[in-house]
Amino acid sequence: MHPSLHTLRPSHRPSLLRAPDPQGHAKVSFAELFFDLVFVFAVTQLSHRLIGHFSLAGVAQTLFLMLAVWWVWVFTSWVTNWLDPDLTPVRACLFLFMLLGLMMSGAIPDAFDDRALMFAGSYTAIQVGRTVFFLWAARGGHASLVRNFQRMLVWLATSAVLWWCGALEETWRLPCWVAALSLEYVAPSLGFAVPGLGRSATSDWNVSGGHLAERCALFVIIALGESLLVTGATFSAHAITAASALAFVVAFAGSLALWWLYFDTTNEFATGRIAHSQDPGRLARLSYTYLHLLIVAGIIVNAAGDEFVLAHPLGHTSLQTAVCVLGGFGLYILGVGLFKWSVMGRWPWSHAVAIGSLAVASPWVQAWPPVLTSAFACLVLVILAAWERHTRAACVPQVPVARTPPVA
């Protein structure tokens, strides 16, 4: 954390901001990990909604809800990057948001119907309430950071009005909610510009890059864990045959390959790059706030594909199975590739080859058994991960190791 965040504070009250870390990597607290458990439930709800509403409208609505869930989580991760969750006021606030997050997640299956008010109310309560709490917690602190949250409050309060209008009036629900979420997504790229308050610069966002990188990596683990839960639950709910057992093994191998591609070839280098960036706020906004959404979406879609394959491993691959299996892996590969581009400055062409392989096979997979379609997509990902590991020395700039001079 930047030392300037801890200036200009009144001496009569303790700071709720994190203390500067000598290593430049603020610790992820147990309170933050506990908060993340809510989103295990949220991701599960999204996967089940996608499986149960696989139509054009159902997929679009599930995508919209996933964008909202991600936005709540990632904004909270930014706030706990600055505030210390080990302090009682911050921790109490975080636990209140957990309760609201449970309500929001519980509303996901009927968010566009009977539980629209429950979803919109809990969502806006988190978004606006968290911002108001930060302004109270950081009052008298770093002026540019406080001003940034004042601008943010204007944007979130405006979008909250649209969320509530959509929740209360079914006819206007879709346009109001799309407008509200679009405002929230475009706001960071515009620096939360507000007439009279100016706009924020990414240099004002003195984030602990290592902390934010770790938080996003943990969310990827959450999504992968949910994928394994779907695989295990579906396998146990059906009769065990040779085909279902093979599909189960292939689904598990696919989850391992997803983990391998992200954590073995990408995450460690990206963490070091953002931790030592001259403008960590800018890199964090692109790489972790926006691009990680594609990675998480790919995992959720692929989890739905695994359930379709496990339910019907033989016969012909249905359109929904092909879309979820090939599309899920393709979305994940695209997200990881863009993530690497954002931190390394160049697009890894191996990812383009993998996406191209999935696209070339797509016209023929409907004639294949679903388990073969899943195995093919898994093989593409395994080859990509092995390729990236083998060429890591060329893909990832190596930092020269300082040699200790011999002792005379």
Protein backbone atom coordinates (compact mmCIF):
# COMPACT_ATOMS: atom_id res chain seq x y z
CA MET A 1 0.00 0.00 0.00
CA HIS A 2 1.14 3.50 -0.75
CA PRO A 3 2.23 5.46 2.34
CA SER A 4 0.18 8.47 1.27
CA LEU A 5 -2.99 6.53 2.01
CA HIS A 6 -2.20 6.89 5.69
CA THR A 7 -1.74 10.65 5.80
CA LEU A 8 -4.16 13.41 6.68
CA ARG A 9 -6.06 11.26 9.20
CA PRO A 10 -7.37 12.68 12.43
CA SER A 11 -5.30 11.49 15.35
CA HIS A 12 -8.34 10.91 17.62
CA ARG A 13 -9.60 7.77 15.91
CA PRO A 14 -7.85 4.62 14.73
CA SER A 15 -7.47 4.08 11.02
CA LEU A 16 -9.59 1.42 9.31
CA LEU A 17 -7.21 1.32 6.35
CA ARG A 18 -4.72 -1.48 5.95
CA ALA A 19 -1.27 -0.86 7.36
CA PRO A 20 1.51 -0.63 4.75
CA ASP A 21 2.99 -4.04 4.02
CA PRO A 22 6.79 -4.09 3.69
CA GLN A 23 6.53 -6.75 0.97
CA GLY A 24 3.90 -4.78 -0.96
CA HIS A 25 1.44 -7.70 -0.75
CA ALA A 26 -1.41 -7.23 1.70
CA LYS A 27 -2.51 -10.48 3.30
CA VAL A 28 -5.82 -12.06 2.31
CA SER A 29 -7.70 -12.38 5.60
CA PHE A 30 -9.88 -15.22 6.83
CA ALA A 31 -12.82 -12.80 6.89
CA GLU A 32 -12.40 -12.28 3.13
CA LEU A 33 -12.23 -16.04 2.54
CA PHE A 34 -15.38 -16.48 4.64
CA PHE A 35 -17.11 -13.79 2.59
CA ASP A 36 -16.22 -15.70 -0.59
CA LEU A 37 -18.23 -18.71 0.56
CA VAL A 38 -21.38 -16.83 -0.39
CA PHE A 39 -20.20 -16.84 -3.97
CA VAL A 40 -19.78 -20.60 -4.01
CA PHE A 41 -23.57 -20.62 -3.63
CA ALA A 42 -23.97 -17.86 -6.22
CA VAL A 43 -21.89 -19.71 -8.83
CA THR A 44 -23.85 -22.91 -8.15
CA GLN A 45 -27.12 -21.03 -8.63
CA LEU A 46 -25.88 -19.61 -11.93
CA SER A 47 -24.82 -23.03 -13.24
CA HIS A 48 -28.14 -24.60 -12.30
CA ARG A 49 -30.05 -21.71 -13.84
CA LEU A 50 -28.11 -22.10 -17.09
CA ILE A 51 -28.83 -25.84 -17.16
CA GLY A 52 -32.52 -25.39 -16.40
CA HIS A 53 -33.13 -22.43 -18.74
CA PHE A 54 -31.07 -23.28 -21.81
CA SER A 55 -32.82 -21.10 -24.36
CA LEU A 56 -31.72 -17.87 -25.98
CA ALA A 57 -33.58 -15.82 -23.38
CA GLY A 58 -32.47 -18.06 -20.51
CA VAL A 59 -28.81 -17.93 -21.49
CA ALA A 60 -28.94 -14.14 -21.90
CA GLN A 61 -30.58 -13.71 -18.48
CA THR A 62 -28.05 -16.03 -16.81
CA LEU A 63 -25.19 -14.11 -18.43
CA PHE A 64 -26.67 -10.87 -17.12
CA LEU A 65 -26.97 -12.25 -13.58
CA MET A 66 -23.42 -13.55 -13.72
CA LEU A 67 -22.19 -10.08 -14.67
CA ALA A 68 -24.03 -8.66 -11.65
CA VAL A 69 -22.66 -11.30 -9.26
CA TRP A 70 -19.11 -10.73 -10.48
CA TRP A 71 -19.46 -6.96 -10.14
CA VAL A 72 -20.54 -7.22 -6.51
CA TRP A 73 -17.65 -9.51 -5.68
CA VAL A 74 -14.90 -7.64 -7.52
CA PHE A 75 -15.95 -4.22 -6.14
CA THR A 76 -15.87 -5.68 -2.63
CA SER A 77 -12.39 -7.08 -3.30
CA TRP A 78 -11.19 -3.61 -4.30
CA VAL A 79 -12.60 -2.14 -1.08
CA THR A 80 -10.98 -4.77 1.15
CA ASN A 81 -7.75 -4.04 -0.67
CA TRP A 82 -7.81 -0.69 1.12
CA LEU A 83 -9.75 -1.44 4.32
CA ASP A 84 -8.48 -3.88 6.94
CA PRO A 85 -10.98 -6.78 7.31
CA ASP A 86 -9.35 -7.83 10.59
CA LEU A 87 -10.74 -4.70 12.28
CA THR A 88 -14.15 -5.11 13.89
CA PRO A 89 -16.11 -2.38 12.02
CA VAL A 90 -14.86 -3.57 8.64
CA ARG A 91 -15.45 -7.20 9.51
CA ALA A 92 -18.99 -6.49 10.74
CA CYS A 93 -19.75 -4.64 7.52
CA LEU A 94 -18.34 -7.52 5.47
CA PHE A 95 -20.53 -10.02 7.30
CA LEU A 96 -23.61 -7.86 6.69
CA PHE A 97 -22.77 -7.94 2.99
CA MET A 98 -22.51 -11.73 3.26
CA LEU A 99 -26.12 -11.84 4.44
CA LEU A 100 -27.20 -9.57 1.61
CA GLY A 101 -25.15 -11.68 -0.80
CA LEU A 102 -26.97 -14.82 0.34
CA MET A 103 -30.28 -13.08 -0.31
CA MET A 104 -29.10 -11.99 -3.75
CA SER A 105 -27.87 -15.51 -4.58
CA GLY A 106 -31.10 -17.05 -3.33
CA ALA A 107 -33.05 -14.82 -5.70
CA ILE A 108 -31.06 -15.85 -8.81
CA PRO A 109 -33.42 -18.62 -10.04
CA ASP A 110 -36.40 -16.20 -10.15
CA ALA A 111 -34.55 -12.90 -10.41
CA PHE A 112 -36.49 -11.85 -13.50
CA ASP A 113 -39.81 -12.99 -12.06
CA ASP A 114 -41.14 -13.24 -8.50
CA ARG A 115 -37.88 -12.38 -6.74
CA ALA A 116 -36.87 -9.36 -8.80
CA LEU A 117 -37.22 -6.99 -5.84
CA MET A 118 -35.23 -9.32 -3.59
CA PHE A 119 -32.41 -9.50 -6.13
CA ALA A 120 -32.30 -5.78 -6.97
CA GLY A 121 -32.74 -4.70 -3.34
CA SER A 122 -29.90 -6.85 -1.99
CA TYR A 123 -27.65 -6.01 -4.94
CA THR A 124 -28.06 -2.24 -4.59
CA ALA A 125 -27.80 -2.43 -0.80
CA ILE A 126 -24.35 -4.01 -1.17
CA GLN A 127 -23.14 -1.68 -3.90
CA VAL A 128 -24.32 1.59 -2.33
CA GLY A 129 -23.88 0.51 1.30
CA ARG A 130 -20.29 -0.58 0.77
CA THR A 131 -19.41 2.74 -0.83
CA VAL A 132 -21.04 4.75 1.95
CA PHE A 133 -19.23 2.67 4.55
CA PHE A 134 -15.89 3.30 2.87
CA LEU A 135 -16.48 7.05 2.86
CA TRP A 136 -17.17 6.87 6.60
CA ALA A 137 -14.20 4.57 7.28
CA ALA A 138 -11.72 6.64 5.24
CA ARG A 139 -12.91 10.13 6.24
CA GLY A 140 -9.99 12.41 6.84
CA GLY A 141 -7.75 10.02 4.92
CA HIS A 142 -6.18 10.26 1.49
CA ALA A 143 -8.10 13.03 -0.31
CA SER A 144 -7.94 11.61 -3.85
CA LEU A 145 -9.11 8.18 -2.70
CA VAL A 146 -12.05 9.66 -0.78
CA ARG A 147 -12.98 11.80 -3.78
CA ASN A 148 -12.86 8.69 -5.96
CA PHE A 149 -15.47 7.01 -3.76
CA GLN A 150 -17.62 10.14 -3.77
CA ARG A 151 -17.72 9.92 -7.56
CA MET A 152 -18.39 6.20 -7.34
CA LEU A 153 -21.33 6.82 -5.01
CA VAL A 154 -22.94 9.12 -7.59
CA TRP A 155 -22.70 6.44 -10.28
CA LEU A 156 -23.93 3.62 -8.04
CA ALA A 157 -26.81 5.67 -6.63
CA THR A 158 -27.89 6.51 -10.18
CA SER A 159 -27.79 2.87 -11.22
CA ALA A 160 -29.65 1.90 -8.01
CA VAL A 161 -32.62 4.01 -9.10
CA LEU A 162 -32.74 2.06 -12.37
CA TRP A 163 -32.43 -1.28 -10.54
CA TRP A 164 -35.39 -0.41 -8.31
CA CYS A 165 -37.50 0.92 -11.18
CA GLY A 166 -36.94 -2.33 -13.05
CA ALA A 167 -37.73 -4.43 -9.99
CA LEU A 168 -41.00 -2.59 -9.31
CA GLU A 169 -42.23 -2.37 -12.90
CA GLU A 170 -42.03 -5.66 -14.84
CA THR A 171 -42.60 -3.98 -18.21
CA TRP A 172 -39.47 -1.88 -17.78
CA ARG A 173 -37.42 -4.52 -15.97
CA LEU A 174 -35.13 -5.60 -18.77
CA PRO A 175 -34.25 -2.14 -20.21
CA CYS A 176 -33.82 -0.60 -16.75
CA TRP A 177 -31.59 -3.40 -15.49
CA VAL A 178 -29.48 -3.48 -18.65
CA ALA A 179 -29.01 0.29 -18.42
CA ALA A 180 -28.14 0.06 -14.71
CA LEU A 181 -25.51 -2.65 -15.11
CA SER A 182 -24.10 -0.99 -18.24
CA LEU A 183 -23.59 2.23 -16.25
CA GLU A 184 -21.71 0.32 -13.56
CA TYR A 185 -19.50 -1.52 -16.03
CA VAL A 186 -18.54 1.56 -18.02
CA ALA A 187 -17.94 3.75 -14.94
CA PRO A 188 -14.38 2.57 -14.05
CA SER A 189 -13.15 3.01 -17.63
CA LEU A 190 -14.48 6.60 -17.50
CA GLY A 191 -12.81 7.24 -14.16
CA PHE A 192 -16.25 7.65 -12.50
CA ALA A 193 -16.40 11.11 -14.09
CA VAL A 194 -18.92 13.40 -12.40
CA PRO A 195 -19.50 17.09 -13.23
CA GLY A 196 -18.12 19.20 -10.41
CA LEU A 197 -16.17 16.29 -8.90
CA GLY A 198 -13.89 15.58 -11.85
CA ARG A 199 -12.71 12.09 -12.75
CA SER A 200 -10.42 9.58 -11.12
CA ALA A 201 -7.03 8.60 -12.48
CA THR A 202 -5.81 5.02 -12.14
CA SER A 203 -2.73 6.40 -10.42
CA ASP A 204 -5.05 7.38 -7.55
CA TRP A 205 -5.91 3.70 -6.99
CA ASN A 206 -2.92 2.64 -4.93
CA VAL A 207 -3.83 -1.03 -4.78
CA SER A 208 -1.85 -3.89 -3.34
CA GLY A 209 -1.41 -5.74 -6.62
CA GLY A 210 -0.49 -9.04 -5.03
CA HIS A 211 -3.58 -8.97 -2.82
CA LEU A 212 -5.96 -8.33 -5.71
CA ALA A 213 -4.28 -10.99 -7.83
CA GLU A 214 -4.65 -13.51 -5.03
CA ARG A 215 -8.29 -12.59 -4.48
CA CYS A 216 -9.12 -13.16 -8.16
CA ALA A 217 -7.18 -16.42 -8.21
CA LEU A 218 -9.24 -17.58 -5.23
CA PHE A 219 -12.45 -16.76 -7.11
CA VAL A 220 -11.22 -18.91 -10.00
CA ILE A 221 -10.72 -21.70 -7.44
CA ILE A 222 -14.30 -21.13 -6.23
CA ALA A 223 -15.63 -21.52 -9.77
CA LEU A 224 -13.52 -24.64 -10.35
CA GLY A 225 -14.74 -26.07 -7.05
CA GLU A 226 -18.33 -25.52 -8.11
CA SER A 227 -17.56 -27.33 -11.38
CA LEU A 228 -16.31 -30.32 -9.41
CA LEU A 229 -19.44 -30.24 -7.22
CA VAL A 230 -21.65 -30.35 -10.32
CA THR A 231 -19.61 -33.23 -11.74
CA GLY A 232 -19.72 -35.26 -8.53
CA ALA A 233 -23.41 -34.61 -7.83
CA THR A 234 -24.49 -35.50 -11.37
CA PHE A 235 -22.37 -38.65 -11.46
CA SER A 236 -23.78 -39.88 -8.15
CA ALA A 237 -27.36 -39.17 -9.22
CA HIS A 238 -27.23 -41.46 -12.29
CA ALA A 239 -26.69 -45.17 -12.78
CA ILE A 240 -23.01 -46.00 -13.08
CA THR A 241 -22.12 -47.47 -16.46
CA ALA A 242 -18.90 -47.69 -18.43
CA ALA A 243 -19.94 -44.64 -20.47
CA SER A 244 -20.89 -42.54 -17.43
CA ALA A 245 -17.67 -43.52 -15.66
CA LEU A 246 -15.65 -42.45 -18.70
CA ALA A 247 -17.56 -39.16 -18.88
CA PHE A 248 -16.85 -38.61 -15.18
CA VAL A 249 -13.11 -39.15 -15.66
CA VAL A 250 -13.06 -36.84 -18.70
CA ALA A 251 -14.93 -34.11 -16.79
CA PHE A 252 -12.45 -34.37 -13.92
CA ALA A 253 -9.52 -34.22 -16.35
CA GLY A 254 -11.06 -31.11 -17.89
CA SER A 255 -11.20 -29.41 -14.48
CA LEU A 256 -7.55 -30.29 -13.90
CA ALA A 257 -6.63 -28.84 -17.30
CA LEU A 258 -8.50 -25.61 -16.50
CA TRP A 259 -6.55 -25.31 -13.26
CA TRP A 260 -3.28 -26.15 -14.98
CA LEU A 261 -3.58 -23.50 -17.69
CA TYR A 262 -4.30 -20.68 -15.25
CA PHE A 263 -2.27 -21.50 -12.16
CA ASP A 264 0.76 -23.18 -13.70
CA THR A 265 1.44 -20.91 -16.65
CA THR A 266 -0.16 -17.54 -15.85
CA ASN A 267 -1.03 -16.57 -12.29
CA GLU A 268 2.42 -16.38 -10.67
CA PHE A 269 3.96 -14.18 -13.34
CA ALA A 270 0.89 -11.93 -13.50
CA THR A 271 0.98 -11.47 -9.72
CA GLY A 272 4.61 -10.34 -9.89
CA ARG A 273 3.89 -8.02 -12.80
CA ILE A 274 1.03 -6.16 -11.10
CA ALA A 275 2.87 -6.04 -7.76
CA HIS A 276 5.76 -4.17 -9.41
CA SER A 277 3.75 -2.12 -11.90
CA GLN A 278 4.22 1.65 -12.06
CA ASP A 279 0.43 2.00 -12.36
CA PRO A 280 -1.09 -1.03 -10.60
CA GLY A 281 -4.57 0.53 -10.61
CA ARG A 282 -4.68 0.60 -14.40
CA LEU A 283 -3.45 -2.98 -14.75
CA ALA A 284 -5.81 -4.20 -12.04
CA ARG A 285 -8.79 -2.50 -13.70
CA LEU A 286 -8.19 -4.25 -17.03
CA SER A 287 -6.69 -7.60 -16.03
CA TYR A 288 -8.63 -8.42 -12.88
CA THR A 289 -11.81 -6.34 -12.96
CA TYR A 290 -12.78 -6.99 -16.58
CA LEU A 291 -10.81 -9.86 -18.14
CA HIS A 292 -11.22 -12.32 -15.28
CA LEU A 293 -14.92 -12.26 -15.97
CA LEU A 294 -14.33 -14.28 -19.16
CA ILE A 295 -12.31 -16.85 -17.24
CA VAL A 296 -15.01 -17.36 -14.61
CA ALA A 297 -17.75 -17.41 -17.25
CA GLY A 298 -15.90 -20.13 -19.14
CA ILE A 299 -15.76 -22.31 -16.04
CA ILE A 300 -19.48 -21.86 -15.30
CA VAL A 301 -20.50 -22.66 -18.88
CA ASN A 302 -18.21 -25.69 -18.96
CA ALA A 303 -19.72 -26.96 -15.68
CA ALA A 304 -23.13 -26.96 -17.38
CA GLY A 305 -21.60 -28.85 -20.29
CA ASP A 306 -20.20 -31.49 -17.92
CA GLU A 307 -23.65 -32.04 -16.45
CA PHE A 308 -25.18 -32.46 -19.91
CA VAL A 309 -22.49 -34.99 -20.88
CA LEU A 310 -22.79 -36.96 -17.64
CA ALA A 311 -26.57 -37.13 -18.00
CA HIS A 312 -26.34 -38.44 -21.60
CA PRO A 313 -22.81 -39.64 -22.42
CA LEU A 314 -23.81 -41.62 -25.53
CA GLY A 315 -25.90 -40.89 -28.60
CA HIS A 316 -25.47 -37.64 -30.51
CA THR A 317 -24.13 -34.41 -29.05
CA SER A 318 -27.02 -31.98 -28.66
CA LEU A 319 -26.66 -28.32 -29.57
CA GLN A 320 -26.76 -27.26 -25.91
CA THR A 321 -24.03 -29.77 -25.01
CA ALA A 322 -21.82 -28.66 -27.89
CA VAL A 323 -22.27 -24.99 -27.04
CA CYS A 324 -21.46 -25.50 -23.35
CA VAL A 325 -18.52 -27.87 -23.82
CA LEU A 326 -16.79 -26.17 -26.76
CA GLY A 327 -17.99 -22.68 -25.86
CA GLY A 328 -17.02 -23.06 -22.20
CA PHE A 329 -13.48 -24.15 -22.99
CA GLY A 330 -13.20 -21.57 -25.77
CA LEU A 331 -14.34 -18.74 -23.51
CA TYR A 332 -11.88 -19.82 -20.81
CA ILE A 333 -8.97 -20.04 -23.27
CA LEU A 334 -9.87 -16.61 -24.67
CA GLY A 335 -10.02 -15.12 -21.17
CA VAL A 336 -6.66 -16.57 -20.12
CA GLY A 337 -5.13 -15.45 -23.42
CA LEU A 338 -6.37 -11.88 -22.98
CA PHE A 339 -5.18 -11.95 -19.37
CA LYS A 340 -1.69 -12.92 -20.55
CA TRP A 341 -1.82 -10.22 -23.20
CA SER A 342 -2.71 -7.60 -20.58
CA VAL A 343 0.22 -8.47 -18.32
CA MET A 344 2.82 -9.49 -20.94
CA GLY A 345 1.92 -7.04 -23.68
CA ARG A 346 1.39 -9.64 -26.41
CA TRP A 347 -1.22 -12.19 -27.38
CA PRO A 348 -0.08 -15.85 -26.97
CA TRP A 349 -0.70 -17.37 -30.39
CA SER A 350 -0.95 -20.86 -28.86
CA HIS A 351 -4.33 -19.82 -27.46
CA ALA A 352 -5.49 -18.78 -30.93
CA VAL A 353 -4.54 -22.24 -32.24
CA ALA A 354 -6.53 -23.90 -29.43
CA ILE A 355 -9.62 -21.73 -30.04
CA GLY A 356 -9.31 -22.39 -33.77
CA SER A 357 -9.18 -26.16 -33.16
CA LEU A 358 -12.42 -26.02 -31.17
CA ALA A 359 -14.07 -23.86 -33.85
CA VAL A 360 -12.98 -26.14 -36.70
CA ALA A 361 -14.41 -29.22 -34.94
CA SER A 362 -17.73 -27.57 -34.05
CA PRO A 363 -19.61 -28.41 -37.30
CA TRP A 364 -18.96 -32.14 -36.80
CA VAL A 365 -19.34 -32.70 -33.08
CA GLN A 366 -23.12 -33.12 -33.22
CA ALA A 367 -22.51 -36.46 -34.91
CA TRP A 368 -20.20 -37.57 -32.08
CA PRO A 369 -21.17 -39.07 -28.73
CA PRO A 370 -21.18 -36.34 -26.03
CA VAL A 371 -18.38 -38.08 -24.13
CA LEU A 372 -16.18 -37.92 -27.26
CA THR A 373 -16.94 -34.22 -27.70
CA SER A 374 -15.97 -33.61 -24.08
CA ALA A 375 -12.79 -35.70 -24.46
CA PHE A 376 -11.78 -33.79 -27.59
CA ALA A 377 -12.22 -30.39 -25.92
CA CYS A 378 -10.33 -31.64 -22.86
CA LEU A 379 -7.48 -32.90 -25.06
CA VAL A 380 -7.19 -29.49 -26.75
CA LEU A 381 -6.90 -27.80 -23.35
CA VAL A 382 -4.37 -30.35 -22.06
CA ILE A 383 -2.20 -29.87 -25.15
CA LEU A 384 -2.41 -26.10 -24.75
CA ALA A 385 -1.44 -26.22 -21.08
CA ALA A 386 1.47 -28.59 -21.81
CA TRP A 387 2.55 -26.36 -24.72
CA GLU A 388 2.48 -23.27 -22.53
CA ARG A 389 4.47 -24.98 -19.80
CA HIS A 390 7.06 -26.22 -22.27
CA THR A 391 7.50 -22.78 -23.81
CA ARG A 392 7.22 -20.81 -20.58
CA ALA A 393 10.81 -19.63 -20.85
CA ALA A 394 9.95 -17.98 -24.17
CA CYS A 395 6.52 -16.69 -23.13
CA VAL A 396 7.43 -15.30 -19.72
CA PRO A 397 10.33 -12.86 -19.41
CA GLN A 398 12.88 -14.23 -17.02
CA VAL A 399 14.16 -12.04 -14.22
CA PRO A 400 17.91 -12.37 -13.86
CA VAL A 401 18.96 -13.70 -10.47
CA ALA A 402 21.51 -11.63 -8.66
CA ARG A 403 24.63 -13.65 -7.90
CA THR A 404 26.26 -13.36 -4.52
CA PRO A 405 29.95 -12.55 -4.87
CA PRO A 406 32.22 -15.22 -3.45
CA VAL A 407 33.50 -14.58 0.04
CA ALA A 408 37.19 -13.91 0.04
